[in-house]
């Protein structure tokens, strides 16, 4: 049996190489040990504050805390809300359309320009709806995102959490996110994606947004 430090070091090295995280089974397979063994070391590293876990659907993904914190700083909620306010000021009559199209183009251009990040996401053995939910939660601040397929070529994305202080800016940001979801799904599935229903609620300062999406 390898020494504790060797296993912990190997776990940290593996997590350092991935931007999207690894499951317990992934780590056990790569290390050549049982899930129970690797879980013991994961819990130890989590207790030290070195790694954290995120539940995505039925899966638990492990991340290097330093990597996650760095990634989260790439997109500031303040910047996103300012961008949403600018959209509202410049395009008051076409706000929903413009924000949606910008979001869609942001997603497709990101995939073109940063294919390595997309490749990591593509390797995750989940539906496209689960993968885009994971990506949104990964880069956002204080949002809880779930994605799941309800039937073939149809799925749900649910986003819960605080957005902007201004409701108009929040709605603009929601449309931008909707466009990004569609842009990602169309790239990932090679099918036309359409949001067939959108439900938005706000309770105690938190938004609860549900998109139902069809792939054709």
Protein backbone atom coordinates (compact mmCIF):
# COMPACT_ATOMS: atom_id res chain seq x y z
CA UNK A 1 0.00 0.00 0.00
CA UNK A 2 1.49 3.40 -0.95
CA UNK A 3 2.19 5.87 1.84
CA UNK A 4 -0.52 8.35 2.85
CA UNK A 5 1.46 11.32 1.56
CA UNK A 6 2.03 9.59 -1.78
CA UNK A 7 -1.69 8.96 -2.32
CA UNK A 8 -2.65 12.46 -1.22
CA UNK A 9 -0.01 13.95 -3.50
CA UNK A 10 -1.27 11.83 -6.41
CA UNK A 11 -4.86 12.94 -5.79
CA UNK A 12 -3.82 16.61 -5.78
CA UNK A 13 -1.81 16.16 -8.98
CA UNK A 14 -4.77 14.56 -10.75
CA UNK A 15 -7.16 17.30 -9.62
CA UNK A 16 -4.67 19.96 -10.66
CA UNK A 17 -4.82 18.68 -14.25
CA UNK A 18 -8.58 18.95 -14.62
CA UNK A 19 -10.69 22.11 -14.74
CA UNK A 20 -14.01 20.31 -14.38
CA UNK A 21 -13.26 17.95 -11.49
CA UNK A 22 -13.16 14.17 -11.08
CA UNK A 23 -15.51 11.67 -9.47
CA UNK A 24 -14.45 9.32 -6.69
CA UNK A 25 -14.58 6.44 -9.18
CA UNK A 26 -12.39 8.38 -11.67
CA UNK A 27 -9.75 8.94 -9.00
CA UNK A 28 -9.88 5.34 -7.74
CA UNK A 29 -9.42 4.02 -11.27
CA UNK A 30 -6.52 6.35 -12.06
CA UNK A 31 -4.79 5.56 -8.74
CA UNK A 32 -5.43 1.83 -8.89
CA UNK A 33 -7.08 1.68 -5.46
CA UNK A 34 -10.61 0.99 -4.23
CA UNK A 35 -13.31 3.67 -3.95
CA UNK A 36 -13.35 3.20 -0.17
CA UNK A 37 -9.62 3.79 0.02
CA UNK A 38 -9.64 6.92 -2.13
CA UNK A 39 -12.69 8.26 -0.28
CA UNK A 40 -10.77 8.10 3.01
CA UNK A 41 -8.02 10.30 1.59
CA UNK A 42 -10.51 12.64 -0.10
CA UNK A 43 -12.29 13.24 3.19
CA UNK A 44 -8.94 13.90 4.88
CA UNK A 45 -7.94 16.46 2.22
CA UNK A 46 -11.39 18.04 2.40
CA UNK A 47 -11.02 18.38 6.17
CA UNK A 48 -7.73 20.22 5.61
CA UNK A 49 -9.52 22.66 3.27
CA UNK A 50 -7.39 21.67 0.28
CA UNK A 51 -10.17 20.19 -1.87
CA UNK A 52 -13.94 20.59 -2.06
CA UNK A 53 -16.75 18.57 -3.57
CA UNK A 54 -19.79 19.51 -5.63
CA UNK A 55 -22.86 17.34 -6.22
CA UNK A 56 -24.08 17.45 -9.81
CA UNK A 57 -27.16 15.29 -10.30
CA UNK A 58 -26.28 11.80 -9.13
CA UNK A 59 -22.54 12.53 -9.24
CA UNK A 60 -20.11 14.03 -6.76
CA UNK A 61 -17.17 15.84 -8.32
CA UNK A 62 -13.97 16.73 -6.48
CA UNK A 63 -12.02 19.93 -7.17
CA UNK A 64 -8.79 21.45 -6.03
CA UNK A 65 -10.00 24.44 -4.00
CA UNK A 66 -7.30 26.72 -5.39
CA UNK A 67 -8.32 25.86 -8.97
CA UNK A 68 -12.00 26.45 -8.30
CA UNK A 69 -11.37 29.79 -6.60
CA UNK A 70 -9.20 30.92 -9.53
CA UNK A 71 -11.80 29.90 -12.09
CA UNK A 72 -14.59 31.65 -10.24
CA UNK A 73 -12.68 34.93 -10.43
CA UNK A 74 -12.68 34.74 -14.24
CA UNK A 75 -16.28 35.96 -14.43
CA UNK A 76 -17.33 38.51 -11.84
CA UNK A 77 -21.02 38.81 -11.04
CA UNK A 78 -20.52 42.57 -10.79
CA UNK A 79 -19.17 42.69 -14.33
CA UNK A 80 -22.02 40.51 -15.61
CA UNK A 81 -24.61 42.77 -13.94
CA UNK A 82 -22.99 45.92 -15.32
CA UNK A 83 -23.06 44.34 -18.78
CA UNK A 84 -26.75 43.55 -18.27
CA UNK A 85 -27.47 47.18 -17.28
CA UNK A 86 -25.67 48.41 -20.41
CA UNK A 87 -27.82 46.11 -22.57
CA UNK A 88 -30.96 47.51 -20.93
CA UNK A 89 -29.86 51.10 -21.60
CA UNK A 90 -28.72 50.65 -25.19
CA UNK A 91 -31.35 48.17 -26.38
CA UNK A 92 -34.48 48.83 -24.28
CA UNK A 93 -36.87 47.65 -27.00
CA UNK A 94 -34.82 44.60 -28.06
CA UNK A 95 -33.32 43.70 -24.70
CA UNK A 96 -34.42 40.06 -24.60
CA UNK A 97 -33.34 39.37 -28.19
CA UNK A 98 -29.96 41.11 -27.91
CA UNK A 99 -29.03 39.56 -24.55
CA UNK A 100 -30.00 36.10 -25.80
CA UNK A 101 -27.93 36.44 -29.00
CA UNK A 102 -24.91 37.77 -27.10
CA UNK A 103 -25.10 34.83 -24.69
CA UNK A 104 -25.38 32.35 -27.54
CA UNK A 105 -22.39 33.83 -29.35
CA UNK A 106 -20.35 33.99 -26.14
CA UNK A 107 -20.83 30.24 -25.64
CA UNK A 108 -19.95 29.27 -29.20
CA UNK A 109 -16.94 31.60 -29.38
CA UNK A 110 -15.64 30.37 -26.01
CA UNK A 111 -15.75 26.78 -27.24
CA UNK A 112 -13.90 27.77 -30.44
CA UNK A 113 -11.21 29.74 -28.64
CA UNK A 114 -10.74 27.47 -25.60
CA UNK A 115 -11.24 23.94 -26.96
CA UNK A 116 -9.24 22.35 -24.11
CA UNK A 117 -11.81 23.48 -21.54
CA UNK A 118 -14.63 22.22 -23.75
CA UNK A 119 -12.82 18.90 -24.23
CA UNK A 120 -12.66 18.39 -20.46
CA UNK A 121 -16.38 19.06 -20.18
CA UNK A 122 -17.11 16.82 -23.15
CA UNK A 123 -15.36 13.87 -21.46
CA UNK A 124 -17.75 13.86 -18.49
CA UNK A 125 -20.14 10.89 -18.84
CA UNK A 126 -23.29 12.95 -18.38
CA UNK A 127 -26.04 14.37 -20.57
CA UNK A 128 -25.45 17.71 -22.30
CA UNK A 129 -27.99 19.26 -19.90
CA UNK A 130 -25.99 18.12 -16.88
CA UNK A 131 -22.72 19.34 -18.39
CA UNK A 132 -23.92 22.88 -19.14
CA UNK A 133 -25.44 23.07 -15.64
CA UNK A 134 -22.08 22.10 -14.18
CA UNK A 135 -20.28 24.71 -16.30
CA UNK A 136 -22.67 27.52 -15.25
CA UNK A 137 -22.37 26.66 -11.56
CA UNK A 138 -18.61 26.32 -11.86
CA UNK A 139 -18.03 29.86 -13.15
CA UNK A 140 -20.82 31.65 -11.29
CA UNK A 141 -21.03 33.10 -7.81
CA UNK A 142 -23.58 31.71 -5.33
CA UNK A 143 -25.78 30.02 -7.94
CA UNK A 144 -27.07 26.47 -7.61
CA UNK A 145 -27.61 24.88 -11.01
CA UNK A 146 -29.15 21.55 -11.91
CA UNK A 147 -29.57 20.02 -15.34
CA UNK A 148 -31.19 16.78 -16.37
CA UNK A 149 -32.74 15.06 -19.34
CA UNK A 150 -36.47 14.41 -18.89
CA UNK A 151 -36.80 12.41 -22.12
CA UNK A 152 -34.83 11.98 -25.32
CA UNK A 153 -33.96 15.38 -26.80
CA UNK A 154 -35.67 17.27 -23.98
CA UNK A 155 -34.26 18.56 -20.72
CA UNK A 156 -34.45 21.00 -17.83
CA UNK A 157 -31.97 23.56 -16.54
CA UNK A 158 -32.80 25.06 -13.13
CA UNK A 159 -30.86 28.00 -11.69
CA UNK A 160 -31.41 29.19 -8.12
CA UNK A 161 -29.72 32.08 -6.35
CA UNK A 162 -29.19 35.85 -6.26
CA UNK A 163 -28.51 37.75 -9.47
CA UNK A 164 -28.31 41.55 -9.83
CA UNK A 165 -29.69 44.17 -7.44
CA UNK A 166 -31.74 45.65 -10.27
CA UNK A 167 -34.57 43.44 -11.60
CA UNK A 168 -34.22 44.74 -15.17
CA UNK A 169 -30.53 43.87 -15.14
CA UNK A 170 -31.35 40.45 -13.65
CA UNK A 171 -33.84 39.71 -16.43
CA UNK A 172 -31.25 40.79 -19.01
CA UNK A 173 -28.71 38.46 -17.40
CA UNK A 174 -31.24 35.60 -17.42
CA UNK A 175 -31.69 36.04 -21.17
CA UNK A 176 -27.93 36.11 -21.66
CA UNK A 177 -27.63 32.84 -19.71
CA UNK A 178 -30.48 31.36 -21.77
CA UNK A 179 -28.58 32.19 -24.96
CA UNK A 180 -25.38 30.66 -23.57
CA UNK A 181 -27.26 27.45 -22.71
CA UNK A 182 -28.67 27.21 -26.24
CA UNK A 183 -25.28 28.00 -27.81
CA UNK A 184 -23.57 25.28 -25.79
CA UNK A 185 -26.27 22.67 -26.41
CA UNK A 186 -26.28 23.30 -30.16
CA UNK A 187 -22.50 22.94 -30.30
CA UNK A 188 -22.42 19.87 -28.08
CA UNK A 189 -25.33 17.96 -29.62
CA UNK A 190 -25.13 19.24 -33.22
CA UNK A 191 -28.90 19.78 -33.00
CA UNK A 192 -31.11 22.86 -32.96
CA UNK A 193 -31.94 23.87 -29.38
CA UNK A 194 -35.09 25.76 -28.46
CA UNK A 195 -36.28 27.01 -25.08
CA UNK A 196 -39.90 25.86 -25.06
CA UNK A 197 -40.75 27.27 -21.64
CA UNK A 198 -39.17 29.65 -19.15
CA UNK A 199 -40.41 30.12 -15.58
CA UNK A 200 -38.99 32.83 -13.35
CA UNK A 201 -39.80 33.36 -9.67
CA UNK A 202 -38.17 35.61 -7.09
CA UNK A 203 -38.47 34.79 -3.40
CA UNK A 204 -36.58 36.61 -0.62
CA UNK A 205 -34.07 38.09 -3.07
CA UNK A 206 -33.31 34.78 -4.79
CA UNK A 207 -34.33 33.89 -8.32
CA UNK A 208 -35.63 30.46 -9.23
CA UNK A 209 -35.36 30.02 -13.00
CA UNK A 210 -36.44 26.93 -14.89
CA UNK A 211 -35.72 26.48 -18.60
CA UNK A 212 -37.26 23.59 -20.50
CA UNK A 213 -35.28 22.95 -23.68
CA UNK A 214 -36.04 20.81 -26.73
CA UNK A 215 -33.42 19.53 -29.17
CA UNK A 216 -34.43 19.02 -32.79
